[in-house]
N, C-alpha and C. Protein backbone atom coordinates (compact mmCIF):
# COMPACT_ATOMS: atom_id res chain seq x y z
N MET A 1 165.86 2.20 -136.62
CA MET A 1 165.66 2.63 -135.24
C MET A 1 164.17 2.81 -134.99
N SER A 2 163.66 2.16 -133.96
CA SER A 2 162.24 2.26 -133.67
C SER A 2 161.97 3.41 -132.70
N THR A 3 160.74 3.89 -132.73
CA THR A 3 160.36 4.96 -131.83
C THR A 3 159.93 4.37 -130.49
N VAL A 4 159.76 5.23 -129.52
CA VAL A 4 159.39 4.81 -128.17
C VAL A 4 157.93 4.36 -128.15
N VAL A 5 157.68 3.25 -127.47
CA VAL A 5 156.33 2.74 -127.29
C VAL A 5 155.87 3.12 -125.89
N GLU A 6 154.68 3.69 -125.82
CA GLU A 6 154.09 4.12 -124.55
C GLU A 6 152.87 3.24 -124.27
N LEU A 7 152.72 2.79 -123.04
CA LEU A 7 151.54 2.02 -122.64
C LEU A 7 150.58 2.93 -121.89
N GLN A 8 149.29 2.77 -122.17
CA GLN A 8 148.25 3.54 -121.49
C GLN A 8 147.11 2.62 -121.11
N LEU A 9 146.63 2.77 -119.88
CA LEU A 9 145.41 2.10 -119.44
C LEU A 9 144.25 3.00 -119.88
N ILE A 10 143.36 2.47 -120.69
CA ILE A 10 142.26 3.28 -121.23
C ILE A 10 141.18 3.47 -120.17
N ASN A 11 140.73 4.71 -120.06
CA ASN A 11 139.63 5.06 -119.17
C ASN A 11 138.82 6.16 -119.84
N ALA A 12 137.84 6.70 -119.13
CA ALA A 12 136.96 7.70 -119.75
C ALA A 12 137.71 8.97 -120.15
N THR A 13 138.78 9.31 -119.44
CA THR A 13 139.48 10.56 -119.75
C THR A 13 140.42 10.45 -120.95
N ASN A 14 140.88 9.26 -121.28
CA ASN A 14 141.80 9.12 -122.41
C ASN A 14 141.28 8.20 -123.51
N ALA A 15 140.00 7.89 -123.48
CA ALA A 15 139.42 6.98 -124.47
C ALA A 15 139.57 7.51 -125.90
N SER A 16 139.77 8.81 -126.05
CA SER A 16 139.96 9.38 -127.39
C SER A 16 141.23 8.84 -128.06
N LEU A 17 142.12 8.21 -127.29
CA LEU A 17 143.29 7.57 -127.91
C LEU A 17 142.88 6.51 -128.91
N LEU A 18 141.68 5.96 -128.73
CA LEU A 18 141.21 4.89 -129.63
C LEU A 18 140.70 5.44 -130.96
N GLU A 19 140.83 6.74 -131.18
CA GLU A 19 140.44 7.33 -132.47
C GLU A 19 141.52 7.14 -133.52
N ARG A 20 142.74 6.81 -133.09
CA ARG A 20 143.85 6.60 -134.02
C ARG A 20 144.45 5.23 -133.76
N VAL A 21 143.98 4.23 -134.51
CA VAL A 21 144.35 2.84 -134.29
C VAL A 21 144.86 2.24 -135.59
N ASP A 22 145.99 1.55 -135.52
CA ASP A 22 146.49 0.83 -136.69
C ASP A 22 145.41 -0.16 -137.13
N GLU A 23 145.26 -0.32 -138.41
CA GLU A 23 144.11 -1.06 -138.95
C GLU A 23 144.03 -2.52 -138.54
N ASP A 24 145.14 -3.15 -138.14
CA ASP A 24 145.04 -4.57 -137.81
C ASP A 24 145.20 -4.87 -136.31
N VAL A 25 144.88 -3.89 -135.46
CA VAL A 25 144.95 -4.12 -134.02
C VAL A 25 143.64 -4.73 -133.50
N PHE A 26 142.52 -4.15 -133.88
CA PHE A 26 141.22 -4.67 -133.47
C PHE A 26 140.61 -5.46 -134.63
N ASP A 27 139.70 -6.36 -134.32
CA ASP A 27 139.04 -7.16 -135.35
C ASP A 27 138.13 -6.31 -136.23
N ASN A 28 137.52 -5.29 -135.64
CA ASN A 28 136.55 -4.44 -136.33
C ASN A 28 136.88 -2.99 -136.04
N PRO A 29 136.30 -2.06 -136.79
CA PRO A 29 136.52 -0.64 -136.47
C PRO A 29 136.04 -0.32 -135.05
N VAL A 30 136.77 0.55 -134.39
CA VAL A 30 136.42 0.96 -133.03
C VAL A 30 135.19 1.86 -133.10
N SER A 31 134.19 1.55 -132.29
CA SER A 31 132.93 2.29 -132.25
C SER A 31 132.92 3.20 -131.01
N PRO A 32 132.70 4.51 -131.20
CA PRO A 32 132.63 5.40 -130.03
C PRO A 32 131.59 4.96 -129.00
N GLU A 33 130.46 4.44 -129.44
CA GLU A 33 129.43 3.99 -128.51
C GLU A 33 129.91 2.80 -127.68
N LEU A 34 130.60 1.86 -128.34
CA LEU A 34 131.11 0.69 -127.61
C LEU A 34 132.26 1.08 -126.69
N VAL A 35 133.08 2.03 -127.11
CA VAL A 35 134.15 2.52 -126.24
C VAL A 35 133.54 3.11 -124.97
N GLY A 36 132.50 3.91 -125.12
CA GLY A 36 131.84 4.51 -123.97
C GLY A 36 131.29 3.46 -123.01
N ALA A 37 130.65 2.44 -123.56
CA ALA A 37 130.12 1.36 -122.73
C ALA A 37 131.26 0.59 -122.05
N PHE A 38 132.34 0.38 -122.77
CA PHE A 38 133.49 -0.36 -122.23
C PHE A 38 134.08 0.37 -121.03
N VAL A 39 134.38 1.65 -121.19
CA VAL A 39 135.03 2.39 -120.09
C VAL A 39 134.07 2.67 -118.93
N ALA A 40 132.77 2.58 -119.17
CA ALA A 40 131.80 2.80 -118.10
C ALA A 40 131.78 1.64 -117.11
N ASN A 41 132.26 0.48 -117.51
CA ASN A 41 132.28 -0.69 -116.65
C ASN A 41 133.66 -0.81 -116.00
N PRO A 42 133.78 -0.57 -114.70
CA PRO A 42 135.09 -0.59 -114.06
C PRO A 42 135.76 -1.97 -114.05
N SER A 43 135.03 -3.01 -114.37
CA SER A 43 135.63 -4.35 -114.44
C SER A 43 136.38 -4.58 -115.75
N ASN A 44 136.08 -3.77 -116.77
CA ASN A 44 136.76 -3.90 -118.04
C ASN A 44 138.14 -3.27 -117.97
N VAL A 45 139.12 -3.93 -118.58
CA VAL A 45 140.49 -3.43 -118.59
C VAL A 45 140.98 -3.44 -120.03
N LEU A 46 141.54 -2.32 -120.47
CA LEU A 46 142.14 -2.23 -121.80
C LEU A 46 143.43 -1.43 -121.69
N VAL A 47 144.52 -2.07 -122.05
CA VAL A 47 145.83 -1.42 -122.10
C VAL A 47 146.21 -1.33 -123.57
N VAL A 48 146.67 -0.16 -123.99
CA VAL A 48 147.09 0.01 -125.38
C VAL A 48 148.55 0.41 -125.43
N ALA A 49 149.18 0.06 -126.55
CA ALA A 49 150.55 0.49 -126.84
C ALA A 49 150.45 1.54 -127.93
N LEU A 50 151.10 2.67 -127.69
CA LEU A 50 151.09 3.79 -128.63
C LEU A 50 152.49 4.02 -129.18
N GLU A 51 152.54 4.28 -130.45
CA GLU A 51 153.79 4.67 -131.09
C GLU A 51 153.47 5.86 -131.98
N ALA A 52 154.11 6.98 -131.73
CA ALA A 52 153.85 8.22 -132.48
C ALA A 52 152.36 8.58 -132.46
N GLY A 53 151.69 8.33 -131.31
CA GLY A 53 150.29 8.70 -131.15
C GLY A 53 149.29 7.76 -131.76
N ILE A 54 149.75 6.65 -132.31
CA ILE A 54 148.86 5.66 -132.93
C ILE A 54 148.85 4.39 -132.10
N VAL A 55 147.67 3.84 -131.85
CA VAL A 55 147.55 2.58 -131.12
C VAL A 55 148.06 1.47 -132.04
N ILE A 56 149.13 0.81 -131.59
CA ILE A 56 149.73 -0.28 -132.38
C ILE A 56 149.55 -1.64 -131.72
N GLY A 57 148.94 -1.64 -130.53
CA GLY A 57 148.70 -2.90 -129.83
C GLY A 57 147.73 -2.70 -128.69
N MET A 58 147.13 -3.79 -128.27
CA MET A 58 146.19 -3.72 -127.15
C MET A 58 146.09 -5.08 -126.48
N ALA A 59 145.72 -5.01 -125.20
CA ALA A 59 145.38 -6.21 -124.44
C ALA A 59 144.15 -5.86 -123.61
N SER A 60 143.14 -6.72 -123.69
CA SER A 60 141.91 -6.46 -122.96
C SER A 60 141.58 -7.62 -122.04
N GLY A 61 140.85 -7.30 -121.01
CA GLY A 61 140.43 -8.32 -120.07
C GLY A 61 139.27 -7.82 -119.24
N ILE A 62 138.78 -8.71 -118.41
CA ILE A 62 137.70 -8.34 -117.50
C ILE A 62 137.96 -9.01 -116.15
N ALA A 63 137.87 -8.20 -115.11
CA ALA A 63 138.01 -8.72 -113.74
C ALA A 63 136.62 -9.13 -113.28
N TYR A 64 136.52 -10.33 -112.76
CA TYR A 64 135.20 -10.81 -112.35
C TYR A 64 135.30 -11.58 -111.04
N VAL A 65 134.16 -11.64 -110.38
CA VAL A 65 134.03 -12.36 -109.12
C VAL A 65 132.98 -13.44 -109.31
N HIS A 66 133.24 -14.59 -108.75
CA HIS A 66 132.29 -15.69 -108.78
C HIS A 66 131.99 -16.05 -107.33
N PRO A 67 130.79 -16.53 -107.01
CA PRO A 67 130.44 -16.78 -105.61
C PRO A 67 131.38 -17.72 -104.86
N ASP A 68 132.12 -18.57 -105.57
CA ASP A 68 132.98 -19.51 -104.85
C ASP A 68 134.47 -19.32 -105.14
N LYS A 69 134.85 -18.19 -105.75
CA LYS A 69 136.24 -17.97 -106.08
C LYS A 69 136.62 -16.51 -105.82
N PRO A 70 137.86 -16.26 -105.46
CA PRO A 70 138.29 -14.87 -105.34
C PRO A 70 138.34 -14.24 -106.74
N PRO A 71 138.44 -12.93 -106.82
CA PRO A 71 138.45 -12.26 -108.13
C PRO A 71 139.51 -12.82 -109.07
N GLN A 72 139.14 -12.94 -110.34
CA GLN A 72 140.04 -13.42 -111.39
C GLN A 72 140.02 -12.45 -112.55
N LEU A 73 141.07 -12.48 -113.35
CA LEU A 73 141.14 -11.67 -114.55
C LEU A 73 141.09 -12.60 -115.76
N PHE A 74 140.08 -12.43 -116.58
CA PHE A 74 140.01 -13.15 -117.85
C PHE A 74 140.68 -12.29 -118.90
N VAL A 75 141.75 -12.78 -119.49
CA VAL A 75 142.43 -12.07 -120.57
C VAL A 75 141.67 -12.38 -121.84
N ASN A 76 141.00 -11.38 -122.36
CA ASN A 76 140.12 -11.58 -123.50
C ASN A 76 140.86 -11.60 -124.83
N GLU A 77 141.73 -10.65 -125.03
CA GLU A 77 142.35 -10.52 -126.35
C GLU A 77 143.65 -9.74 -126.25
N VAL A 78 144.62 -10.13 -127.06
CA VAL A 78 145.89 -9.41 -127.19
C VAL A 78 146.18 -9.32 -128.67
N ALA A 79 146.56 -8.12 -129.12
CA ALA A 79 146.89 -7.95 -130.54
C ALA A 79 147.94 -6.87 -130.68
N VAL A 80 148.84 -7.08 -131.63
CA VAL A 80 149.86 -6.10 -131.99
C VAL A 80 149.84 -6.00 -133.51
N ALA A 81 149.89 -4.77 -134.01
CA ALA A 81 149.92 -4.56 -135.46
C ALA A 81 151.03 -5.40 -136.08
N ALA A 82 150.74 -6.02 -137.20
CA ALA A 82 151.69 -6.92 -137.85
C ALA A 82 153.06 -6.25 -138.06
N ARG A 83 153.06 -4.99 -138.41
CA ARG A 83 154.32 -4.29 -138.69
C ARG A 83 155.16 -4.07 -137.43
N CYS A 84 154.55 -4.28 -136.26
CA CYS A 84 155.24 -4.03 -134.98
C CYS A 84 155.52 -5.30 -134.20
N GLN A 85 155.18 -6.45 -134.74
CA GLN A 85 155.36 -7.70 -134.00
C GLN A 85 156.83 -8.06 -133.91
N GLY A 86 157.15 -8.86 -132.91
CA GLY A 86 158.52 -9.32 -132.72
C GLY A 86 159.40 -8.34 -131.96
N ARG A 87 158.80 -7.33 -131.36
CA ARG A 87 159.56 -6.32 -130.61
C ARG A 87 159.29 -6.39 -129.11
N GLY A 88 158.53 -7.37 -128.64
CA GLY A 88 158.24 -7.50 -127.21
C GLY A 88 157.05 -6.68 -126.74
N ILE A 89 156.32 -6.07 -127.68
CA ILE A 89 155.19 -5.23 -127.31
C ILE A 89 154.06 -6.06 -126.70
N GLY A 90 153.80 -7.22 -127.25
CA GLY A 90 152.76 -8.09 -126.70
C GLY A 90 153.04 -8.45 -125.26
N ARG A 91 154.28 -8.79 -124.96
CA ARG A 91 154.64 -9.14 -123.58
C ARG A 91 154.46 -7.94 -122.65
N LEU A 92 154.84 -6.74 -123.10
CA LEU A 92 154.63 -5.54 -122.29
C LEU A 92 153.15 -5.32 -122.01
N LEU A 93 152.32 -5.53 -123.03
CA LEU A 93 150.87 -5.36 -122.86
C LEU A 93 150.30 -6.37 -121.87
N VAL A 94 150.68 -7.62 -122.02
CA VAL A 94 150.17 -8.66 -121.11
C VAL A 94 150.64 -8.39 -119.69
N THR A 95 151.89 -8.04 -119.52
CA THR A 95 152.43 -7.74 -118.19
C THR A 95 151.67 -6.58 -117.55
N SER A 96 151.38 -5.55 -118.33
CA SER A 96 150.64 -4.40 -117.82
C SER A 96 149.20 -4.79 -117.47
N LEU A 97 148.58 -5.61 -118.30
CA LEU A 97 147.22 -6.08 -118.03
C LEU A 97 147.19 -6.89 -116.74
N LEU A 98 148.16 -7.77 -116.55
CA LEU A 98 148.22 -8.58 -115.32
C LEU A 98 148.45 -7.70 -114.10
N ARG A 99 149.29 -6.67 -114.23
CA ARG A 99 149.52 -5.74 -113.13
C ARG A 99 148.21 -5.07 -112.73
N ARG A 100 147.43 -4.65 -113.73
CA ARG A 100 146.15 -4.02 -113.43
C ARG A 100 145.21 -5.00 -112.75
N GLY A 101 145.23 -6.26 -113.17
CA GLY A 101 144.42 -7.29 -112.52
C GLY A 101 144.78 -7.41 -111.05
N ARG A 102 146.08 -7.41 -110.73
CA ARG A 102 146.50 -7.45 -109.32
C ARG A 102 145.98 -6.24 -108.56
N GLU A 103 146.07 -5.05 -109.19
CA GLU A 103 145.58 -3.83 -108.55
C GLU A 103 144.08 -3.92 -108.25
N LEU A 104 143.34 -4.65 -109.08
CA LEU A 104 141.90 -4.81 -108.89
C LEU A 104 141.57 -5.93 -107.91
N GLY A 105 142.59 -6.56 -107.33
CA GLY A 105 142.39 -7.60 -106.33
C GLY A 105 142.29 -9.01 -106.90
N CYS A 106 142.57 -9.17 -108.18
CA CYS A 106 142.51 -10.51 -108.78
C CYS A 106 143.66 -11.37 -108.28
N THR A 107 143.37 -12.63 -108.00
CA THR A 107 144.38 -13.55 -107.50
C THR A 107 144.87 -14.50 -108.58
N LYS A 108 144.19 -14.50 -109.71
CA LYS A 108 144.54 -15.41 -110.80
C LYS A 108 144.10 -14.76 -112.10
N ALA A 109 144.83 -15.05 -113.17
CA ALA A 109 144.42 -14.61 -114.51
C ALA A 109 144.48 -15.83 -115.42
N TRP A 110 143.65 -15.82 -116.43
CA TRP A 110 143.66 -16.93 -117.36
C TRP A 110 143.29 -16.45 -118.76
N VAL A 111 143.74 -17.21 -119.73
CA VAL A 111 143.50 -16.92 -121.14
C VAL A 111 143.44 -18.25 -121.87
N ALA A 112 142.71 -18.28 -122.96
CA ALA A 112 142.66 -19.46 -123.81
C ALA A 112 143.08 -19.06 -125.22
N THR A 113 143.75 -19.97 -125.89
CA THR A 113 144.09 -19.75 -127.29
C THR A 113 144.07 -21.10 -128.00
N GLU A 114 144.11 -21.06 -129.29
CA GLU A 114 144.09 -22.28 -130.08
C GLU A 114 145.42 -23.02 -129.93
N GLU A 115 145.38 -24.34 -129.94
CA GLU A 115 146.61 -25.12 -129.82
C GLU A 115 147.61 -24.77 -130.92
N GLY A 116 147.12 -24.49 -132.11
CA GLY A 116 148.00 -24.20 -133.23
C GLY A 116 148.50 -22.76 -133.29
N ASN A 117 148.09 -21.92 -132.36
CA ASN A 117 148.51 -20.51 -132.37
C ASN A 117 149.84 -20.40 -131.62
N SER A 118 150.91 -20.75 -132.30
CA SER A 118 152.22 -20.81 -131.67
C SER A 118 152.71 -19.44 -131.22
N ARG A 119 152.36 -18.39 -131.93
CA ARG A 119 152.79 -17.04 -131.53
C ARG A 119 152.14 -16.65 -130.19
N ALA A 120 150.83 -16.89 -130.06
CA ALA A 120 150.15 -16.56 -128.81
C ALA A 120 150.70 -17.41 -127.66
N ARG A 121 150.91 -18.67 -127.92
CA ARG A 121 151.42 -19.54 -126.87
C ARG A 121 152.82 -19.12 -126.43
N ALA A 122 153.65 -18.71 -127.38
CA ALA A 122 154.99 -18.21 -127.02
C ALA A 122 154.88 -16.92 -126.21
N LEU A 123 153.95 -16.05 -126.59
CA LEU A 123 153.74 -14.80 -125.86
C LEU A 123 153.36 -15.08 -124.41
N TYR A 124 152.36 -15.93 -124.19
CA TYR A 124 151.89 -16.18 -122.84
C TYR A 124 152.96 -16.89 -122.00
N THR A 125 153.75 -17.75 -122.63
CA THR A 125 154.87 -18.39 -121.92
C THR A 125 155.91 -17.35 -121.54
N SER A 126 156.21 -16.42 -122.45
CA SER A 126 157.22 -15.38 -122.17
C SER A 126 156.77 -14.45 -121.05
N ALA A 127 155.46 -14.34 -120.84
CA ALA A 127 154.92 -13.51 -119.76
C ALA A 127 154.75 -14.34 -118.47
N GLN A 128 155.39 -15.50 -118.43
CA GLN A 128 155.41 -16.41 -117.27
C GLN A 128 154.11 -17.14 -117.04
N GLY A 129 153.30 -17.26 -118.08
CA GLY A 129 152.10 -18.07 -117.98
C GLY A 129 152.46 -19.55 -118.02
N LYS A 130 151.68 -20.34 -117.35
CA LYS A 130 151.89 -21.80 -117.33
C LYS A 130 150.75 -22.46 -118.08
N GLU A 131 151.10 -23.32 -119.02
CA GLU A 131 150.09 -24.00 -119.81
C GLU A 131 149.41 -25.06 -118.95
N ASP A 132 148.08 -25.04 -118.97
CA ASP A 132 147.30 -26.01 -118.23
C ASP A 132 147.41 -27.35 -118.95
N PRO A 133 147.72 -28.44 -118.26
CA PRO A 133 147.87 -29.73 -118.93
C PRO A 133 146.54 -30.30 -119.44
N GLU A 134 145.43 -29.86 -118.86
CA GLU A 134 144.13 -30.36 -119.29
C GLU A 134 143.64 -29.53 -120.48
N ARG A 135 143.30 -30.18 -121.57
CA ARG A 135 142.85 -29.50 -122.78
C ARG A 135 141.38 -29.12 -122.63
N ALA A 136 141.04 -27.96 -123.15
CA ALA A 136 139.67 -27.46 -123.08
C ALA A 136 139.03 -27.51 -124.46
N VAL A 137 137.73 -27.58 -124.47
CA VAL A 137 136.95 -27.48 -125.69
C VAL A 137 136.10 -26.23 -125.56
N VAL A 138 136.12 -25.40 -126.58
CA VAL A 138 135.41 -24.13 -126.52
C VAL A 138 134.09 -24.25 -127.29
N TYR A 139 133.02 -23.80 -126.66
CA TYR A 139 131.70 -23.74 -127.29
C TYR A 139 131.32 -22.28 -127.46
N THR A 140 130.70 -21.95 -128.55
CA THR A 140 130.19 -20.60 -128.73
C THR A 140 128.68 -20.68 -128.93
N PHE A 141 127.99 -19.64 -128.53
CA PHE A 141 126.54 -19.59 -128.63
C PHE A 141 126.15 -18.27 -129.28
N SER A 142 125.35 -18.32 -130.32
CA SER A 142 124.81 -17.10 -130.89
C SER A 142 123.64 -16.66 -130.01
N LEU A 143 123.64 -15.42 -129.62
CA LEU A 143 122.56 -14.90 -128.79
C LEU A 143 121.64 -13.99 -129.59
N LEU A 144 121.78 -14.03 -130.91
CA LEU A 144 120.95 -13.19 -131.77
C LEU A 144 119.53 -13.72 -131.88
N GLN A 145 119.35 -15.02 -131.72
CA GLN A 145 118.02 -15.63 -131.78
C GLN A 145 117.86 -16.53 -130.56
N PRO A 146 116.66 -16.62 -130.02
CA PRO A 146 116.48 -17.54 -128.90
C PRO A 146 116.69 -18.98 -129.38
N PRO A 147 117.27 -19.81 -128.53
CA PRO A 147 117.48 -21.21 -128.93
C PRO A 147 116.15 -21.94 -129.03
N SER A 148 116.13 -22.94 -129.87
CA SER A 148 114.94 -23.78 -129.92
C SER A 148 114.95 -24.62 -128.64
N VAL A 149 113.79 -24.74 -128.05
CA VAL A 149 113.70 -25.44 -126.78
C VAL A 149 113.16 -26.85 -127.03
N ALA A 150 113.97 -27.81 -126.67
CA ALA A 150 113.54 -29.20 -126.78
C ALA A 150 112.76 -29.55 -125.51
N SER A 151 111.74 -30.32 -125.67
CA SER A 151 110.97 -30.68 -124.48
C SER A 151 111.75 -31.71 -123.67
N ALA A 152 111.69 -31.54 -122.39
CA ALA A 152 112.35 -32.50 -121.50
C ALA A 152 111.27 -33.42 -120.94
N ARG A 153 111.49 -34.67 -121.10
CA ARG A 153 110.53 -35.64 -120.56
C ARG A 153 111.23 -36.49 -119.53
N GLY A 154 110.59 -36.65 -118.41
CA GLY A 154 111.22 -37.37 -117.31
C GLY A 154 110.72 -38.69 -117.09
């Protein structure tokens, strides 16, 4: 028999909930300084799933506006502790995150995942997401050092 799972939208008043997190929910240890910066930005959204007072799952995103588009929600990350997977917690988190995006005026939400990540793809489909038929290529940039500048000759 499983215990009750509670969902909470993290803000400055309840950010202390992130002091008790199952070890495989976030990629790295939660930093109080980064939590403070996160909750200080009203565009950041973090929904957590709690079981017996411990964060066992989370979904994060950011609501943003672009000069030529109405507000959108970028779903940044979704994770559920391995011991709690397969119980529908991920879908509850995504649904709650999308609800918050609507409350913030977002008209669209989007997320990217690897083609081979069948669990994530099943999760997003179960939350009524539609897979885009056009495949994307993801580029990452390290911002720790300035890029070398190649001269442009015309």
